[in-house]
N, C-alpha and C. Protein backbone atom coordinates (compact mmCIF):
# COMPACT_ATOMS: atom_id res chain seq x y z
N MET A 1 -40.49 -4.23 57.92
CA MET A 1 -39.39 -3.30 57.80
C MET A 1 -39.31 -2.49 59.10
N ASP A 2 -38.12 -2.43 59.69
CA ASP A 2 -37.88 -1.70 60.93
C ASP A 2 -37.39 -0.30 60.60
N LEU A 3 -38.16 0.70 60.97
CA LEU A 3 -37.81 2.09 60.65
C LEU A 3 -37.27 2.85 61.85
N TYR A 4 -36.90 2.13 62.90
CA TYR A 4 -36.35 2.77 64.10
C TYR A 4 -34.83 2.79 64.05
N LEU A 5 -34.26 3.79 64.72
CA LEU A 5 -32.81 3.85 64.83
C LEU A 5 -32.32 2.80 65.82
N SER A 6 -31.17 2.22 65.53
CA SER A 6 -30.55 1.32 66.51
C SER A 6 -30.05 2.17 67.69
N ALA A 7 -29.71 1.52 68.77
CA ALA A 7 -29.19 2.23 69.93
C ALA A 7 -27.91 2.99 69.56
N GLU A 8 -27.08 2.39 68.74
CA GLU A 8 -25.83 3.04 68.32
C GLU A 8 -26.12 4.27 67.44
N GLN A 9 -27.07 4.14 66.53
CA GLN A 9 -27.42 5.28 65.67
C GLN A 9 -28.02 6.42 66.49
N ALA A 10 -28.86 6.10 67.46
CA ALA A 10 -29.44 7.12 68.33
C ALA A 10 -28.34 7.81 69.14
N ALA A 11 -27.35 7.06 69.58
CA ALA A 11 -26.24 7.64 70.33
C ALA A 11 -25.41 8.58 69.44
N VAL A 12 -25.19 8.18 68.20
CA VAL A 12 -24.45 9.03 67.26
C VAL A 12 -25.22 10.33 67.03
N ARG A 13 -26.53 10.22 66.88
CA ARG A 13 -27.36 11.42 66.67
C ARG A 13 -27.26 12.36 67.88
N ARG A 14 -27.34 11.79 69.10
CA ARG A 14 -27.22 12.61 70.31
C ARG A 14 -25.85 13.27 70.40
N LEU A 15 -24.80 12.51 70.09
CA LEU A 15 -23.44 13.05 70.11
C LEU A 15 -23.32 14.20 69.12
N ALA A 16 -23.87 14.02 67.93
CA ALA A 16 -23.82 15.07 66.91
C ALA A 16 -24.61 16.29 67.35
N ALA A 17 -25.78 16.09 67.93
CA ALA A 17 -26.61 17.21 68.39
C ALA A 17 -25.89 17.99 69.49
N ASP A 18 -25.29 17.28 70.43
CA ASP A 18 -24.55 17.95 71.50
C ASP A 18 -23.35 18.71 70.95
N PHE A 19 -22.65 18.10 70.00
CA PHE A 19 -21.50 18.75 69.37
C PHE A 19 -21.93 20.04 68.68
N VAL A 20 -23.00 19.96 67.91
CA VAL A 20 -23.49 21.12 67.17
C VAL A 20 -23.91 22.23 68.12
N ASP A 21 -24.63 21.87 69.17
CA ASP A 21 -25.07 22.89 70.13
C ASP A 21 -23.90 23.57 70.83
N ARG A 22 -22.82 22.84 71.03
CA ARG A 22 -21.64 23.36 71.75
C ARG A 22 -20.63 24.04 70.81
N GLU A 23 -20.39 23.46 69.64
CA GLU A 23 -19.28 23.90 68.80
C GLU A 23 -19.68 24.65 67.53
N VAL A 24 -20.96 24.62 67.17
CA VAL A 24 -21.38 25.25 65.91
C VAL A 24 -22.38 26.37 66.14
N VAL A 25 -23.48 26.06 66.80
CA VAL A 25 -24.55 27.05 66.96
C VAL A 25 -24.07 28.38 67.55
N PRO A 26 -23.24 28.38 68.59
CA PRO A 26 -22.82 29.67 69.16
C PRO A 26 -22.02 30.55 68.19
N TYR A 27 -21.45 29.97 67.16
CA TYR A 27 -20.56 30.71 66.25
C TYR A 27 -21.12 30.88 64.84
N ALA A 28 -22.21 30.21 64.53
CA ALA A 28 -22.72 30.16 63.15
C ALA A 28 -23.05 31.55 62.60
N ALA A 29 -23.66 32.41 63.40
CA ALA A 29 -24.03 33.75 62.90
C ALA A 29 -22.78 34.55 62.55
N ALA A 30 -21.76 34.48 63.40
CA ALA A 30 -20.52 35.21 63.13
C ALA A 30 -19.83 34.66 61.89
N TRP A 31 -19.82 33.34 61.74
CA TRP A 31 -19.22 32.74 60.54
C TRP A 31 -19.98 33.19 59.30
N ASP A 32 -21.27 33.26 59.41
CA ASP A 32 -22.09 33.69 58.27
C ASP A 32 -21.77 35.14 57.90
N ARG A 33 -21.65 36.00 58.90
CA ARG A 33 -21.32 37.40 58.61
C ARG A 33 -19.94 37.53 57.96
N ARG A 34 -18.99 36.70 58.39
CA ARG A 34 -17.64 36.73 57.82
C ARG A 34 -17.56 35.98 56.49
N GLU A 35 -18.59 35.22 56.20
CA GLU A 35 -18.62 34.34 55.02
C GLU A 35 -17.45 33.36 55.05
N SER A 36 -17.16 32.88 56.26
CA SER A 36 -16.05 31.96 56.45
C SER A 36 -16.26 31.18 57.75
N VAL A 37 -16.12 29.89 57.67
CA VAL A 37 -16.21 29.03 58.85
C VAL A 37 -14.81 28.90 59.45
N ASP A 38 -14.73 28.88 60.76
CA ASP A 38 -13.44 28.68 61.44
C ASP A 38 -12.87 27.33 61.01
N PRO A 39 -11.68 27.32 60.40
CA PRO A 39 -11.12 26.04 59.94
C PRO A 39 -10.84 25.06 61.07
N GLY A 40 -10.76 25.56 62.30
CA GLY A 40 -10.53 24.68 63.44
C GLY A 40 -11.67 23.70 63.68
N ILE A 41 -12.83 23.98 63.11
CA ILE A 41 -13.97 23.07 63.30
C ILE A 41 -13.70 21.72 62.66
N VAL A 42 -12.91 21.70 61.61
CA VAL A 42 -12.61 20.42 60.94
C VAL A 42 -11.86 19.49 61.88
N GLY A 43 -10.88 20.02 62.59
CA GLY A 43 -10.15 19.20 63.57
C GLY A 43 -11.06 18.69 64.67
N LYS A 44 -12.00 19.51 65.10
CA LYS A 44 -12.94 19.09 66.13
C LYS A 44 -13.87 18.00 65.61
N LEU A 45 -14.26 18.10 64.35
CA LEU A 45 -15.07 17.03 63.75
C LEU A 45 -14.30 15.71 63.76
N GLY A 46 -13.01 15.79 63.48
CA GLY A 46 -12.17 14.60 63.50
C GLY A 46 -12.01 14.03 64.89
N GLU A 47 -11.88 14.90 65.89
CA GLU A 47 -11.70 14.45 67.27
C GLU A 47 -12.89 13.63 67.77
N VAL A 48 -14.10 13.98 67.36
CA VAL A 48 -15.27 13.22 67.80
C VAL A 48 -15.58 12.04 66.89
N GLY A 49 -14.80 11.88 65.82
CA GLY A 49 -14.96 10.72 64.96
C GLY A 49 -15.92 10.90 63.80
N PHE A 50 -16.27 12.15 63.48
CA PHE A 50 -17.22 12.37 62.39
C PHE A 50 -16.55 12.37 61.02
N LEU A 51 -15.26 12.55 60.95
CA LEU A 51 -14.55 12.42 59.68
C LEU A 51 -14.15 10.96 59.54
N GLY A 52 -14.43 10.37 58.44
CA GLY A 52 -14.14 8.95 58.27
C GLY A 52 -15.11 8.07 59.03
N LEU A 53 -16.32 8.57 59.25
CA LEU A 53 -17.31 7.85 60.04
C LEU A 53 -17.63 6.48 59.45
N THR A 54 -17.66 6.36 58.15
CA THR A 54 -18.04 5.09 57.52
C THR A 54 -16.84 4.21 57.18
N ILE A 55 -15.66 4.66 57.54
CA ILE A 55 -14.44 3.87 57.29
C ILE A 55 -14.30 2.83 58.41
N PRO A 56 -14.00 1.58 58.09
CA PRO A 56 -13.82 0.57 59.14
C PRO A 56 -12.72 0.97 60.13
N GLU A 57 -12.91 0.59 61.38
CA GLU A 57 -11.94 0.93 62.42
C GLU A 57 -10.54 0.41 62.10
N GLU A 58 -10.45 -0.77 61.48
CA GLU A 58 -9.12 -1.33 61.18
C GLU A 58 -8.37 -0.50 60.14
N HIS A 59 -9.07 0.42 59.49
CA HIS A 59 -8.43 1.30 58.51
C HIS A 59 -8.36 2.74 59.01
N GLY A 60 -8.58 2.93 60.32
CA GLY A 60 -8.45 4.25 60.92
C GLY A 60 -9.72 5.07 61.02
N GLY A 61 -10.84 4.49 60.62
CA GLY A 61 -12.11 5.21 60.68
C GLY A 61 -12.87 4.93 61.97
N SER A 62 -14.10 5.37 61.99
CA SER A 62 -14.95 5.18 63.16
C SER A 62 -15.82 3.93 63.08
N GLY A 63 -15.93 3.34 61.90
CA GLY A 63 -16.68 2.10 61.75
C GLY A 63 -18.19 2.26 61.78
N GLY A 64 -18.68 3.45 61.50
CA GLY A 64 -20.12 3.68 61.51
C GLY A 64 -20.77 3.28 60.20
N ASP A 65 -22.08 3.28 60.20
CA ASP A 65 -22.81 2.95 58.99
C ASP A 65 -23.24 4.23 58.26
N HIS A 66 -23.80 4.05 57.08
CA HIS A 66 -24.16 5.22 56.27
C HIS A 66 -25.33 6.00 56.84
N LEU A 67 -26.24 5.33 57.53
CA LEU A 67 -27.33 6.07 58.17
C LEU A 67 -26.78 6.97 59.27
N SER A 68 -25.82 6.47 60.04
CA SER A 68 -25.20 7.31 61.08
C SER A 68 -24.54 8.53 60.45
N TYR A 69 -23.89 8.33 59.31
CA TYR A 69 -23.27 9.45 58.59
C TYR A 69 -24.34 10.48 58.21
N CYS A 70 -25.47 10.01 57.72
CA CYS A 70 -26.57 10.92 57.36
C CYS A 70 -27.12 11.65 58.57
N LEU A 71 -27.22 10.97 59.69
CA LEU A 71 -27.70 11.61 60.92
C LEU A 71 -26.75 12.71 61.37
N VAL A 72 -25.44 12.46 61.25
CA VAL A 72 -24.45 13.49 61.60
C VAL A 72 -24.60 14.68 60.65
N LEU A 73 -24.71 14.43 59.36
CA LEU A 73 -24.87 15.53 58.40
C LEU A 73 -26.12 16.33 58.69
N GLU A 74 -27.20 15.65 59.05
CA GLU A 74 -28.44 16.34 59.36
C GLU A 74 -28.25 17.29 60.55
N GLU A 75 -27.58 16.82 61.59
CA GLU A 75 -27.35 17.67 62.77
C GLU A 75 -26.39 18.81 62.45
N LEU A 76 -25.33 18.52 61.70
CA LEU A 76 -24.39 19.59 61.33
C LEU A 76 -25.10 20.65 60.50
N GLY A 77 -25.95 20.23 59.58
CA GLY A 77 -26.71 21.17 58.77
C GLY A 77 -27.68 22.00 59.59
N ARG A 78 -28.18 21.44 60.67
CA ARG A 78 -29.04 22.20 61.57
C ARG A 78 -28.29 23.39 62.16
N GLY A 79 -27.01 23.18 62.44
CA GLY A 79 -26.20 24.25 63.02
C GLY A 79 -25.68 25.23 61.99
N ASP A 80 -25.16 24.72 60.90
CA ASP A 80 -24.59 25.56 59.84
C ASP A 80 -24.35 24.68 58.63
N SER A 81 -25.01 24.99 57.53
CA SER A 81 -24.89 24.14 56.35
C SER A 81 -23.46 24.09 55.82
N ALA A 82 -22.68 25.15 56.04
CA ALA A 82 -21.28 25.13 55.58
C ALA A 82 -20.47 24.09 56.34
N VAL A 83 -20.78 23.89 57.62
CA VAL A 83 -20.06 22.89 58.41
C VAL A 83 -20.42 21.50 57.93
N SER A 84 -21.68 21.28 57.59
CA SER A 84 -22.08 19.95 57.11
C SER A 84 -21.34 19.59 55.82
N ARG A 85 -20.96 20.59 55.06
CA ARG A 85 -20.22 20.34 53.82
C ARG A 85 -18.74 20.12 54.07
N SER A 86 -18.31 20.27 55.33
CA SER A 86 -16.90 20.06 55.68
C SER A 86 -16.56 18.60 55.86
N THR A 87 -17.56 17.74 55.89
CA THR A 87 -17.32 16.32 56.06
C THR A 87 -17.29 15.66 54.69
N PRO A 88 -16.22 14.97 54.37
CA PRO A 88 -16.14 14.34 53.04
C PRO A 88 -17.18 13.24 52.89
N PRO A 89 -17.72 13.09 51.69
CA PRO A 89 -18.68 12.00 51.48
C PRO A 89 -18.00 10.65 51.63
N PRO A 90 -18.75 9.63 52.04
CA PRO A 90 -18.15 8.31 52.25
C PRO A 90 -17.38 7.79 51.05
N ARG A 91 -17.87 8.01 49.85
CA ARG A 91 -17.17 7.49 48.67
C ARG A 91 -15.78 8.11 48.52
N ALA A 92 -15.61 9.35 48.93
CA ALA A 92 -14.31 10.00 48.82
C ALA A 92 -13.31 9.37 49.77
N CYS A 93 -13.78 8.98 50.93
CA CYS A 93 -12.87 8.40 51.92
C CYS A 93 -12.56 6.95 51.61
N SER A 94 -13.56 6.23 51.16
CA SER A 94 -13.36 4.80 51.02
C SER A 94 -12.87 4.37 49.65
N CYS A 95 -12.95 5.25 48.68
CA CYS A 95 -12.58 4.85 47.33
C CYS A 95 -11.41 5.66 46.76
N GLY A 96 -10.84 6.52 47.57
CA GLY A 96 -9.72 7.31 47.10
C GLY A 96 -10.12 8.48 46.22
N GLY A 97 -11.42 8.79 46.16
CA GLY A 97 -11.87 9.91 45.34
C GLY A 97 -11.69 11.24 46.02
N SER A 98 -11.99 12.29 45.31
CA SER A 98 -11.89 13.64 45.83
C SER A 98 -13.11 13.95 46.69
N PRO A 99 -12.93 14.67 47.82
CA PRO A 99 -14.07 15.01 48.67
C PRO A 99 -14.91 16.13 48.10
N THR A 100 -14.63 16.62 46.93
CA THR A 100 -15.43 17.72 46.37
C THR A 100 -16.33 17.21 45.29
């Protein structure tokens, strides 16, 4: 059993870590004090391809796997758990279900 990340998964993790350090960490304390996350973060998540990560590219997604999705959630949660909850679960995107 291979327990190492693929090169693509490692790249997704680095991208997520860089995103969090740049777009989440500097603002997380202020968002926490306001008890509200800046809604603009959702658009930024979409711009880097984190929304619809597990959706095939031919259907408008990023074509990532579920482990990559988990790695992104882990990094987002490191910055602010509320932001990590801003990404819909794969089943909601791929099966027409509700993201809540």
